[in-house]
Amino acid sequence: MLSSVNSIIMKQANQEEMFLYTRMGEAICQIQILEQALSHCLTVKLNPTVEESEAVIFLSKQQRNTFGSVVKLAAQKGVYSDDLQKALEELLLERNWLVHHAMRDSQQGNKIIVTESFLQKVKSITDKAERLQQLLEWDLIDFSESRGRNVSNLIEMMIREKGPRPVGM
């Protein structure tokens, strides 16, 4: 069976298709980065007083969960503001569309149709994931500060590397 799969000649992607695949890959990577950030943030916020070894175990379990499971845990524990939680849930729906339906939605028959609106939708997912990651980082800084940590150097680094704190969703 494997030898017959290896003998299939694949159609070369055209420039539009390669651009689409690149945009989709970028969006998926950014969502995975956000997923990791969310797992790390939840580990800190849900285990603020445990030993590092316990936190590492918790983090390891969270990293095996899907993005949806981690977003659901955040909602169950009430870890984030309503606005931030809602934004995570909305991104989850968009992520699910990207992973499960985007290619089907871009097809007409056997041909992939790349439209500007489709590319913008995918780019919007990338941008939202990146923005949410920054919001999670700032939320964790606020949490750490509320626990008595000196975060002034961290704040300076964030502003230097990522610009000023984002406002609103």
N, C-alpha and C. Protein backbone atom coordinates (compact mmCIF):
# COMPACT_ATOMS: atom_id res chain seq x y z
N MET A 1 0.83 -1.20 0.00
CA MET A 1 0.00 0.00 0.00
C MET A 1 0.87 1.26 0.00
N LEU A 2 1.89 1.28 0.85
CA LEU A 2 2.76 2.45 0.93
C LEU A 2 3.45 2.71 -0.39
N SER A 3 3.86 1.68 -1.09
CA SER A 3 4.54 1.89 -2.37
C SER A 3 3.60 2.54 -3.38
N SER A 4 2.31 2.23 -3.33
CA SER A 4 1.38 2.87 -4.26
C SER A 4 1.18 4.34 -3.90
N VAL A 5 1.24 4.66 -2.62
CA VAL A 5 1.15 6.06 -2.21
C VAL A 5 2.37 6.83 -2.70
N ASN A 6 3.53 6.23 -2.59
CA ASN A 6 4.76 6.89 -3.03
C ASN A 6 4.80 7.10 -4.53
N SER A 7 4.05 6.31 -5.28
CA SER A 7 4.09 6.44 -6.73
C SER A 7 3.10 7.47 -7.26
N ILE A 8 2.27 8.05 -6.41
CA ILE A 8 1.32 9.08 -6.83
C ILE A 8 2.08 10.35 -7.18
N ILE A 9 1.76 10.91 -8.31
CA ILE A 9 2.40 12.16 -8.74
C ILE A 9 1.54 13.31 -8.22
N MET A 10 2.18 14.14 -7.43
CA MET A 10 1.46 15.28 -6.85
C MET A 10 1.50 16.46 -7.80
N LYS A 11 0.39 17.17 -7.88
CA LYS A 11 0.31 18.37 -8.69
C LYS A 11 1.13 19.47 -8.01
N GLN A 12 1.92 20.18 -8.76
CA GLN A 12 2.71 21.29 -8.23
C GLN A 12 1.77 22.44 -7.87
N ALA A 13 1.96 23.01 -6.67
CA ALA A 13 1.13 24.14 -6.24
C ALA A 13 1.53 25.37 -7.04
N ASN A 14 0.54 26.17 -7.42
CA ASN A 14 0.85 27.42 -8.10
C ASN A 14 1.18 28.49 -7.05
N GLN A 15 1.54 29.68 -7.51
CA GLN A 15 1.97 30.75 -6.59
C GLN A 15 0.87 31.13 -5.61
N GLU A 16 -0.36 31.24 -6.09
CA GLU A 16 -1.47 31.59 -5.20
C GLU A 16 -1.67 30.54 -4.12
N GLU A 17 -1.61 29.27 -4.51
CA GLU A 17 -1.77 28.19 -3.55
C GLU A 17 -0.63 28.19 -2.53
N MET A 18 0.59 28.41 -2.99
CA MET A 18 1.73 28.45 -2.06
C MET A 18 1.56 29.60 -1.07
N PHE A 19 1.08 30.73 -1.54
CA PHE A 19 0.84 31.87 -0.65
C PHE A 19 -0.23 31.51 0.38
N LEU A 20 -1.29 30.86 -0.08
CA LEU A 20 -2.36 30.43 0.83
C LEU A 20 -1.81 29.46 1.88
N TYR A 21 -1.04 28.47 1.45
CA TYR A 21 -0.48 27.49 2.38
C TYR A 21 0.45 28.17 3.38
N THR A 22 1.20 29.15 2.91
CA THR A 22 2.10 29.89 3.80
C THR A 22 1.29 30.66 4.84
N ARG A 23 0.25 31.34 4.40
CA ARG A 23 -0.60 32.09 5.33
C ARG A 23 -1.26 31.15 6.35
N MET A 24 -1.73 30.00 5.87
CA MET A 24 -2.38 29.05 6.78
C MET A 24 -1.36 28.50 7.78
N GLY A 25 -0.18 28.19 7.30
CA GLY A 25 0.87 27.69 8.20
C GLY A 25 1.25 28.73 9.24
N GLU A 26 1.33 29.97 8.82
CA GLU A 26 1.64 31.06 9.75
C GLU A 26 0.56 31.16 10.83
N ALA A 27 -0.69 31.06 10.43
CA ALA A 27 -1.79 31.14 11.39
C ALA A 27 -1.75 29.97 12.37
N ILE A 28 -1.53 28.79 11.88
CA ILE A 28 -1.47 27.61 12.74
C ILE A 28 -0.30 27.71 13.71
N CYS A 29 0.85 28.16 13.23
CA CYS A 29 2.01 28.33 14.12
C CYS A 29 1.72 29.36 15.21
N GLN A 30 1.11 30.48 14.83
CA GLN A 30 0.81 31.52 15.82
C GLN A 30 -0.20 31.01 16.85
N ILE A 31 -1.15 30.21 16.43
CA ILE A 31 -2.12 29.63 17.37
C ILE A 31 -1.41 28.66 18.31
N GLN A 32 -0.46 27.89 17.80
CA GLN A 32 0.28 26.97 18.66
C GLN A 32 1.13 27.73 19.67
N ILE A 33 1.71 28.85 19.27
CA ILE A 33 2.46 29.69 20.20
C ILE A 33 1.52 30.22 21.28
N LEU A 34 0.34 30.66 20.87
CA LEU A 34 -0.66 31.14 21.83
C LEU A 34 -1.08 30.01 22.77
N GLU A 35 -1.27 28.83 22.22
CA GLU A 35 -1.65 27.67 23.03
C GLU A 35 -0.61 27.40 24.11
N GLN A 36 0.67 27.48 23.75
CA GLN A 36 1.74 27.29 24.73
C GLN A 36 1.73 28.40 25.77
N ALA A 37 1.54 29.63 25.32
CA ALA A 37 1.48 30.76 26.25
C ALA A 37 0.32 30.59 27.23
N LEU A 38 -0.81 30.15 26.72
CA LEU A 38 -1.99 29.94 27.57
C LEU A 38 -1.72 28.84 28.59
N SER A 39 -1.09 27.77 28.18
CA SER A 39 -0.75 26.68 29.11
C SER A 39 0.19 27.17 30.20
N HIS A 40 1.19 27.95 29.82
CA HIS A 40 2.13 28.49 30.81
C HIS A 40 1.44 29.46 31.76
N CYS A 41 0.60 30.34 31.23
CA CYS A 41 -0.11 31.31 32.07
C CYS A 41 -1.04 30.61 33.05
N LEU A 42 -1.77 29.62 32.57
CA LEU A 42 -2.67 28.89 33.46
C LEU A 42 -1.88 28.16 34.55
N THR A 43 -0.74 27.64 34.20
CA THR A 43 0.09 26.95 35.19
C THR A 43 0.47 27.89 36.31
N VAL A 44 0.89 29.09 35.97
CA VAL A 44 1.29 30.06 36.99
C VAL A 44 0.08 30.54 37.79
N LYS A 45 -1.01 30.90 37.08
CA LYS A 45 -2.16 31.48 37.77
C LYS A 45 -2.93 30.47 38.62
N LEU A 46 -2.95 29.22 38.20
CA LEU A 46 -3.70 28.21 38.96
C LEU A 46 -2.86 27.53 40.03
N ASN A 47 -1.56 27.76 40.01
CA ASN A 47 -0.65 27.11 40.96
C ASN A 47 0.36 28.10 41.54
N PRO A 48 -0.11 29.23 42.06
CA PRO A 48 0.85 30.27 42.45
C PRO A 48 1.73 29.92 43.66
N THR A 49 1.33 28.94 44.44
CA THR A 49 2.09 28.65 45.66
C THR A 49 2.72 27.26 45.69
N VAL A 50 2.62 26.52 44.61
CA VAL A 50 3.16 25.16 44.62
C VAL A 50 4.65 25.17 44.31
N GLU A 51 5.30 24.08 44.64
CA GLU A 51 6.71 23.91 44.30
C GLU A 51 6.85 23.81 42.79
N GLU A 52 8.02 24.17 42.31
CA GLU A 52 8.28 24.16 40.87
C GLU A 52 8.02 22.78 40.26
N SER A 53 8.40 21.73 40.96
CA SER A 53 8.21 20.38 40.41
C SER A 53 6.73 20.07 40.18
N GLU A 54 5.87 20.54 41.07
CA GLU A 54 4.42 20.34 40.88
C GLU A 54 3.91 21.16 39.70
N ALA A 55 4.41 22.39 39.58
CA ALA A 55 4.00 23.24 38.47
C ALA A 55 4.43 22.64 37.13
N VAL A 56 5.61 22.05 37.10
CA VAL A 56 6.11 21.43 35.87
C VAL A 56 5.20 20.25 35.47
N ILE A 57 4.75 19.48 36.44
CA ILE A 57 3.84 18.37 36.16
C ILE A 57 2.52 18.90 35.60
N PHE A 58 1.98 19.95 36.22
CA PHE A 58 0.73 20.55 35.76
C PHE A 58 0.91 21.07 34.33
N LEU A 59 2.01 21.79 34.08
CA LEU A 59 2.27 22.33 32.75
C LEU A 59 2.37 21.21 31.72
N SER A 60 3.06 20.16 32.06
CA SER A 60 3.22 19.03 31.15
C SER A 60 1.85 18.46 30.75
N LYS A 61 0.95 18.36 31.71
CA LYS A 61 -0.41 17.87 31.41
C LYS A 61 -1.16 18.85 30.50
N GLN A 62 -1.02 20.14 30.80
CA GLN A 62 -1.72 21.14 29.99
C GLN A 62 -1.20 21.16 28.56
N GLN A 63 0.09 20.94 28.38
CA GLN A 63 0.67 20.97 27.05
C GLN A 63 0.21 19.79 26.19
N ARG A 64 -0.34 18.78 26.79
CA ARG A 64 -0.88 17.64 26.03
C ARG A 64 -2.33 17.90 25.61
N ASN A 65 -2.95 18.90 26.20
CA ASN A 65 -4.34 19.22 25.88
C ASN A 65 -4.44 20.02 24.58
N THR A 66 -5.61 19.98 23.99
CA THR A 66 -5.88 20.77 22.80
C THR A 66 -6.11 22.22 23.20
N PHE A 67 -6.05 23.10 22.23
CA PHE A 67 -6.33 24.51 22.47
C PHE A 67 -7.73 24.66 23.08
N GLY A 68 -8.68 23.93 22.55
CA GLY A 68 -10.05 24.00 23.06
C GLY A 68 -10.14 23.59 24.52
N SER A 69 -9.42 22.55 24.90
CA SER A 69 -9.44 22.09 26.30
C SER A 69 -8.84 23.13 27.24
N VAL A 70 -7.77 23.78 26.79
CA VAL A 70 -7.12 24.78 27.63
C VAL A 70 -8.00 26.02 27.76
N VAL A 71 -8.65 26.43 26.67
CA VAL A 71 -9.58 27.57 26.71
C VAL A 71 -10.74 27.24 27.65
N LYS A 72 -11.24 26.02 27.57
CA LYS A 72 -12.34 25.59 28.44
C LYS A 72 -11.92 25.59 29.91
N LEU A 73 -10.72 25.13 30.21
CA LEU A 73 -10.22 25.15 31.58
C LEU A 73 -10.15 26.58 32.10
N ALA A 74 -9.65 27.49 31.28
CA ALA A 74 -9.58 28.90 31.68
C ALA A 74 -10.97 29.43 32.02
N ALA A 75 -11.97 29.05 31.23
CA ALA A 75 -13.34 29.49 31.49
C ALA A 75 -13.87 28.88 32.79
N GLN A 76 -13.65 27.59 32.98
CA GLN A 76 -14.12 26.91 34.19
C GLN A 76 -13.53 27.52 35.46
N LYS A 77 -12.27 27.90 35.39
CA LYS A 77 -11.58 28.43 36.57
C LYS A 77 -11.75 29.94 36.71
N GLY A 78 -12.34 30.59 35.71
CA GLY A 78 -12.55 32.04 35.78
C GLY A 78 -11.25 32.82 35.89
N VAL A 79 -10.26 32.38 35.15
CA VAL A 79 -8.91 32.95 35.26
C VAL A 79 -8.81 34.32 34.59
N TYR A 80 -9.56 34.56 33.54
CA TYR A 80 -9.42 35.79 32.76
C TYR A 80 -10.68 36.63 32.82
N SER A 81 -10.53 37.88 32.44
CA SER A 81 -11.68 38.78 32.35
C SER A 81 -12.66 38.22 31.32
N ASP A 82 -13.90 38.66 31.42
CA ASP A 82 -14.91 38.19 30.46
C ASP A 82 -14.50 38.51 29.03
N ASP A 83 -13.96 39.71 28.81
CA ASP A 83 -13.56 40.11 27.46
C ASP A 83 -12.45 39.22 26.91
N LEU A 84 -11.44 38.95 27.73
CA LEU A 84 -10.33 38.11 27.28
C LEU A 84 -10.79 36.68 27.04
N GLN A 85 -11.61 36.17 27.94
CA GLN A 85 -12.12 34.81 27.77
C GLN A 85 -12.96 34.70 26.50
N LYS A 86 -13.79 35.70 26.26
CA LYS A 86 -14.63 35.70 25.05
C LYS A 86 -13.75 35.73 23.80
N ALA A 87 -12.68 36.53 23.83
CA ALA A 87 -11.78 36.61 22.68
C ALA A 87 -11.09 35.26 22.43
N LEU A 88 -10.70 34.57 23.50
CA LEU A 88 -10.09 33.24 23.35
C LEU A 88 -11.09 32.26 22.74
N GLU A 89 -12.34 32.31 23.19
CA GLU A 89 -13.36 31.41 22.67
C GLU A 89 -13.68 31.71 21.20
N GLU A 90 -13.68 32.99 20.84
CA GLU A 90 -13.91 33.36 19.44
C GLU A 90 -12.76 32.87 18.56
N LEU A 91 -11.54 33.02 19.06
CA LEU A 91 -10.39 32.54 18.29
C LEU A 91 -10.44 31.02 18.15
N LEU A 92 -10.90 30.33 19.18
CA LEU A 92 -11.04 28.88 19.09
C LEU A 92 -11.97 28.50 17.93
N LEU A 93 -13.07 29.20 17.78
CA LEU A 93 -13.99 28.91 16.67
C LEU A 93 -13.31 29.16 15.32
N GLU A 94 -12.55 30.25 15.24
CA GLU A 94 -11.85 30.56 14.00
C GLU A 94 -10.75 29.53 13.73
N ARG A 95 -10.06 29.12 14.78
CA ARG A 95 -9.02 28.09 14.64
C ARG A 95 -9.64 26.79 14.14
N ASN A 96 -10.79 26.42 14.68
CA ASN A 96 -11.45 25.20 14.25
C ASN A 96 -11.86 25.28 12.78
N TRP A 97 -12.34 26.45 12.36
CA TRP A 97 -12.66 26.62 10.95
C TRP A 97 -11.39 26.44 10.11
N LEU A 98 -10.30 27.08 10.53
CA LEU A 98 -9.05 27.00 9.77
C LEU A 98 -8.58 25.57 9.62
N VAL A 99 -8.61 24.83 10.70
CA VAL A 99 -8.07 23.47 10.70
C VAL A 99 -9.02 22.48 10.02
N HIS A 100 -10.31 22.66 10.20
CA HIS A 100 -11.26 21.64 9.75
C HIS A 100 -12.04 21.99 8.48
N HIS A 101 -12.13 23.29 8.13
CA HIS A 101 -13.01 23.65 7.02
C HIS A 101 -12.41 24.59 5.98
N ALA A 102 -11.30 25.22 6.28
CA ALA A 102 -10.77 26.26 5.38
C ALA A 102 -10.50 25.72 3.97
N MET A 103 -9.84 24.58 3.88
CA MET A 103 -9.53 24.06 2.55
C MET A 103 -10.80 23.70 1.78
N ARG A 104 -11.75 23.11 2.47
CA ARG A 104 -13.02 22.79 1.81
C ARG A 104 -13.70 24.07 1.33
N ASP A 105 -13.67 25.11 2.17
CA ASP A 105 -14.33 26.36 1.82
C ASP A 105 -13.62 27.10 0.68
N SER A 106 -12.36 26.75 0.41
CA SER A 106 -11.62 27.43 -0.66
C SER A 106 -11.69 26.66 -1.97
N GLN A 107 -12.38 25.53 -1.98
CA GLN A 107 -12.42 24.71 -3.20
C GLN A 107 -13.68 24.97 -4.01
N GLN A 108 -13.49 24.89 -5.30
CA GLN A 108 -14.60 24.84 -6.25
C GLN A 108 -14.30 23.65 -7.15
N GLY A 109 -15.02 22.57 -6.90
CA GLY A 109 -14.70 21.33 -7.61
C GLY A 109 -13.36 20.81 -7.11
N ASN A 110 -12.48 20.48 -8.02
CA ASN A 110 -11.14 20.00 -7.66
C ASN A 110 -10.11 21.11 -7.58
N LYS A 111 -10.55 22.34 -7.74
CA LYS A 111 -9.62 23.46 -7.81
C LYS A 111 -9.71 24.32 -6.55
N ILE A 112 -8.55 24.74 -6.06
CA ILE A 112 -8.50 25.66 -4.92
C ILE A 112 -8.58 27.07 -5.46
N ILE A 113 -9.52 27.83 -4.95
CA ILE A 113 -9.70 29.22 -5.37
C ILE A 113 -9.20 30.11 -4.24
N VAL A 114 -8.20 30.91 -4.53
CA VAL A 114 -7.62 31.80 -3.53
C VAL A 114 -8.15 33.20 -3.79
N THR A 115 -8.94 33.70 -2.82
CA THR A 115 -9.48 35.05 -2.95
C THR A 115 -8.84 35.94 -1.89
N GLU A 116 -8.88 37.22 -2.15
CA GLU A 116 -8.33 38.19 -1.20
C GLU A 116 -9.07 38.11 0.13
N SER A 117 -10.39 37.95 0.09
CA SER A 117 -11.16 37.89 1.34
C SER A 117 -10.80 36.64 2.15
N PHE A 118 -10.53 35.54 1.47
CA PHE A 118 -10.13 34.32 2.15
C PHE A 118 -8.76 34.51 2.81
N LEU A 119 -7.83 35.09 2.07
CA LEU A 119 -6.50 35.36 2.62
C LEU A 119 -6.57 36.31 3.81
N GLN A 120 -7.43 37.31 3.71
CA GLN A 120 -7.59 38.26 4.82
C GLN A 120 -8.17 37.58 6.06
N LYS A 121 -9.09 36.65 5.85
CA LYS A 121 -9.66 35.93 6.99
C LYS A 121 -8.58 35.12 7.70
N VAL A 122 -7.73 34.46 6.94
CA VAL A 122 -6.64 33.67 7.53
C VAL A 122 -5.66 34.60 8.24
N LYS A 123 -5.31 35.73 7.61
CA LYS A 123 -4.39 36.69 8.21
C LYS A 123 -4.97 37.27 9.50
N SER A 124 -6.27 37.48 9.51
CA SER A 124 -6.95 37.99 10.70
C SER A 124 -6.80 37.02 11.88
N ILE A 125 -6.86 35.74 11.60
CA ILE A 125 -6.68 34.73 12.64
C ILE A 125 -5.26 34.83 13.21
N THR A 126 -4.29 34.97 12.33
CA THR A 126 -2.89 35.12 12.77
C THR A 126 -2.75 36.33 13.67
N ASP A 127 -3.29 37.45 13.23
CA ASP A 127 -3.18 38.70 13.99
C ASP A 127 -3.87 38.60 15.35
N LYS A 128 -5.04 37.97 15.39
CA LYS A 128 -5.76 37.82 16.66
C LYS A 128 -4.98 36.94 17.63
N ALA A 129 -4.40 35.86 17.12
CA ALA A 129 -3.63 34.97 17.98
C ALA A 129 -2.42 35.70 18.56
N GLU A 130 -1.76 36.49 17.74
CA GLU A 130 -0.60 37.25 18.22
C GLU A 130 -1.01 38.29 19.26
N ARG A 131 -2.09 38.96 19.02
CA ARG A 131 -2.59 39.98 19.96
C ARG A 131 -3.00 39.33 21.28
N LEU A 132 -3.67 38.19 21.21
CA LEU A 132 -4.08 37.49 22.43
C LEU A 132 -2.86 37.01 23.22
N GLN A 133 -1.82 36.61 22.54
CA GLN A 133 -0.60 36.20 23.23
C GLN A 133 -0.06 37.38 24.03
N GLN A 134 -0.02 38.55 23.41
CA GLN A 134 0.45 39.74 24.12
C GLN A 134 -0.44 40.08 25.31
N LEU A 135 -1.74 39.96 25.13
CA LEU A 135 -2.65 40.24 26.23
C LEU A 135 -2.45 39.25 27.39
N LEU A 136 -2.19 37.98 27.06
CA LEU A 136 -1.90 37.00 28.09
C LEU A 136 -0.60 37.34 28.83
N GLU A 137 0.40 37.77 28.08
CA GLU A 137 1.67 38.14 28.70
C GLU A 137 1.48 39.30 29.68
N TRP A 138 0.72 40.31 29.26
CA TRP A 138 0.47 41.45 30.15
C TRP A 138 -0.39 41.03 31.34
N ASP A 139 -1.33 40.17 31.11
CA ASP A 139 -2.16 39.67 32.20
C ASP A 139 -1.29 38.95 33.24
N LEU A 140 -0.34 38.18 32.77
CA LEU A 140 0.55 37.46 33.69
C LEU A 140 1.47 38.43 34.43
N ILE A 141 1.90 39.48 33.76
CA ILE A 141 2.69 40.50 34.43
C ILE A 141 1.86 41.15 35.55
N ASP A 142 0.61 41.50 35.25
CA ASP A 142 -0.28 42.08 36.26
C ASP A 142 -0.49 41.12 37.43
N PHE A 143 -0.68 39.86 37.11
CA PHE A 143 -0.86 38.84 38.15
C PHE A 143 0.38 38.76 39.04
N SER A 144 1.54 38.71 38.41
CA SER A 144 2.79 38.62 39.17
C SER A 144 2.98 39.84 40.06
N GLU A 145 2.66 41.00 39.51
CA GLU A 145 2.78 42.24 40.30
C GLU A 145 1.81 42.22 41.49
N SER A 146 0.61 41.69 41.27
CA SER A 146 -0.37 41.62 42.36
C SER A 146 0.06 40.66 43.46
N ARG A 147 1.00 39.78 43.14
CA ARG A 147 1.53 38.82 44.12
C ARG A 147 2.83 39.33 44.76
N GLY A 148 3.11 40.62 44.51
CA GLY A 148 4.26 41.23 45.16
C GLY A 148 5.58 41.13 44.41
N ARG A 149 5.54 40.68 43.18
CA ARG A 149 6.77 40.55 42.40
C ARG A 149 7.14 41.91 41.78
N ASN A 150 8.43 42.17 41.70
CA ASN A 150 8.92 43.35 41.01
C ASN A 150 9.01 43.01 39.53
N VAL A 151 8.17 43.62 38.73
CA VAL A 151 8.11 43.30 37.31
C VAL A 151 8.58 44.47 36.43
N SER A 152 9.22 45.44 37.03
CA SER A 152 9.62 46.64 36.28
C SER A 152 10.55 46.30 35.11
N ASN A 153 11.52 45.41 35.32
CA ASN A 153 12.42 45.03 34.22
C ASN A 153 11.67 44.29 33.13
N LEU A 154 10.72 43.47 33.52
CA LEU A 154 9.91 42.73 32.55
C LEU A 154 9.05 43.68 31.72
N ILE A 155 8.48 44.67 32.39
CA ILE A 155 7.66 45.66 31.68
C ILE A 155 8.52 46.42 30.67
N GLU A 156 9.71 46.84 31.08
CA GLU A 156 10.62 47.54 30.17
C GLU A 156 10.95 46.67 28.96
N MET A 157 11.24 45.39 29.20
CA MET A 157 11.56 44.47 28.11
C MET A 157 10.37 44.30 27.17
N MET A 158 9.19 44.16 27.72
CA MET A 158 7.98 43.99 26.88
C MET A 158 7.77 45.21 25.99
N ILE A 159 7.90 46.39 26.57
CA ILE A 159 7.71 47.61 25.79
C ILE A 159 8.79 47.73 24.72
N ARG A 160 10.01 47.40 25.07
CA ARG A 160 11.12 47.48 24.11
C ARG A 160 10.94 46.48 22.96
N GLU A 161 10.53 45.26 23.28
CA GLU A 161 10.46 44.22 22.26
C GLU A 161 9.12 44.14 21.54
N LYS A 162 8.03 44.51 22.22
CA LYS A 162 6.71 44.33 21.60
C LYS A 162 5.88 45.59 21.52
N GLY A 163 6.43 46.70 22.02
CA GLY A 163 5.70 47.95 21.97
C GLY A 163 4.84 48.13 23.20
N PRO A 164 4.09 49.23 23.23
CA PRO A 164 3.28 49.52 24.42
C PRO A 164 2.19 48.46 24.66
N ARG A 165 1.72 48.45 25.87
CA ARG A 165 0.65 47.52 26.26
C ARG A 165 -0.56 47.73 25.37
N PRO A 166 -1.09 46.63 24.80
CA PRO A 166 -2.31 46.78 23.97
C PRO A 166 -3.48 47.22 24.83
N VAL A 167 -4.36 47.99 24.23
CA VAL A 167 -5.54 48.48 24.93
C VAL A 167 -6.76 47.78 24.36
N GLY A 168 -7.59 47.21 25.21
CA GLY A 168 -8.82 46.57 24.78
C GLY A 168 -8.58 45.32 23.96
N MET A 169 -9.67 44.75 23.52
CA MET A 169 -9.58 43.52 22.71
C MET A 169 -9.45 43.95 21.29
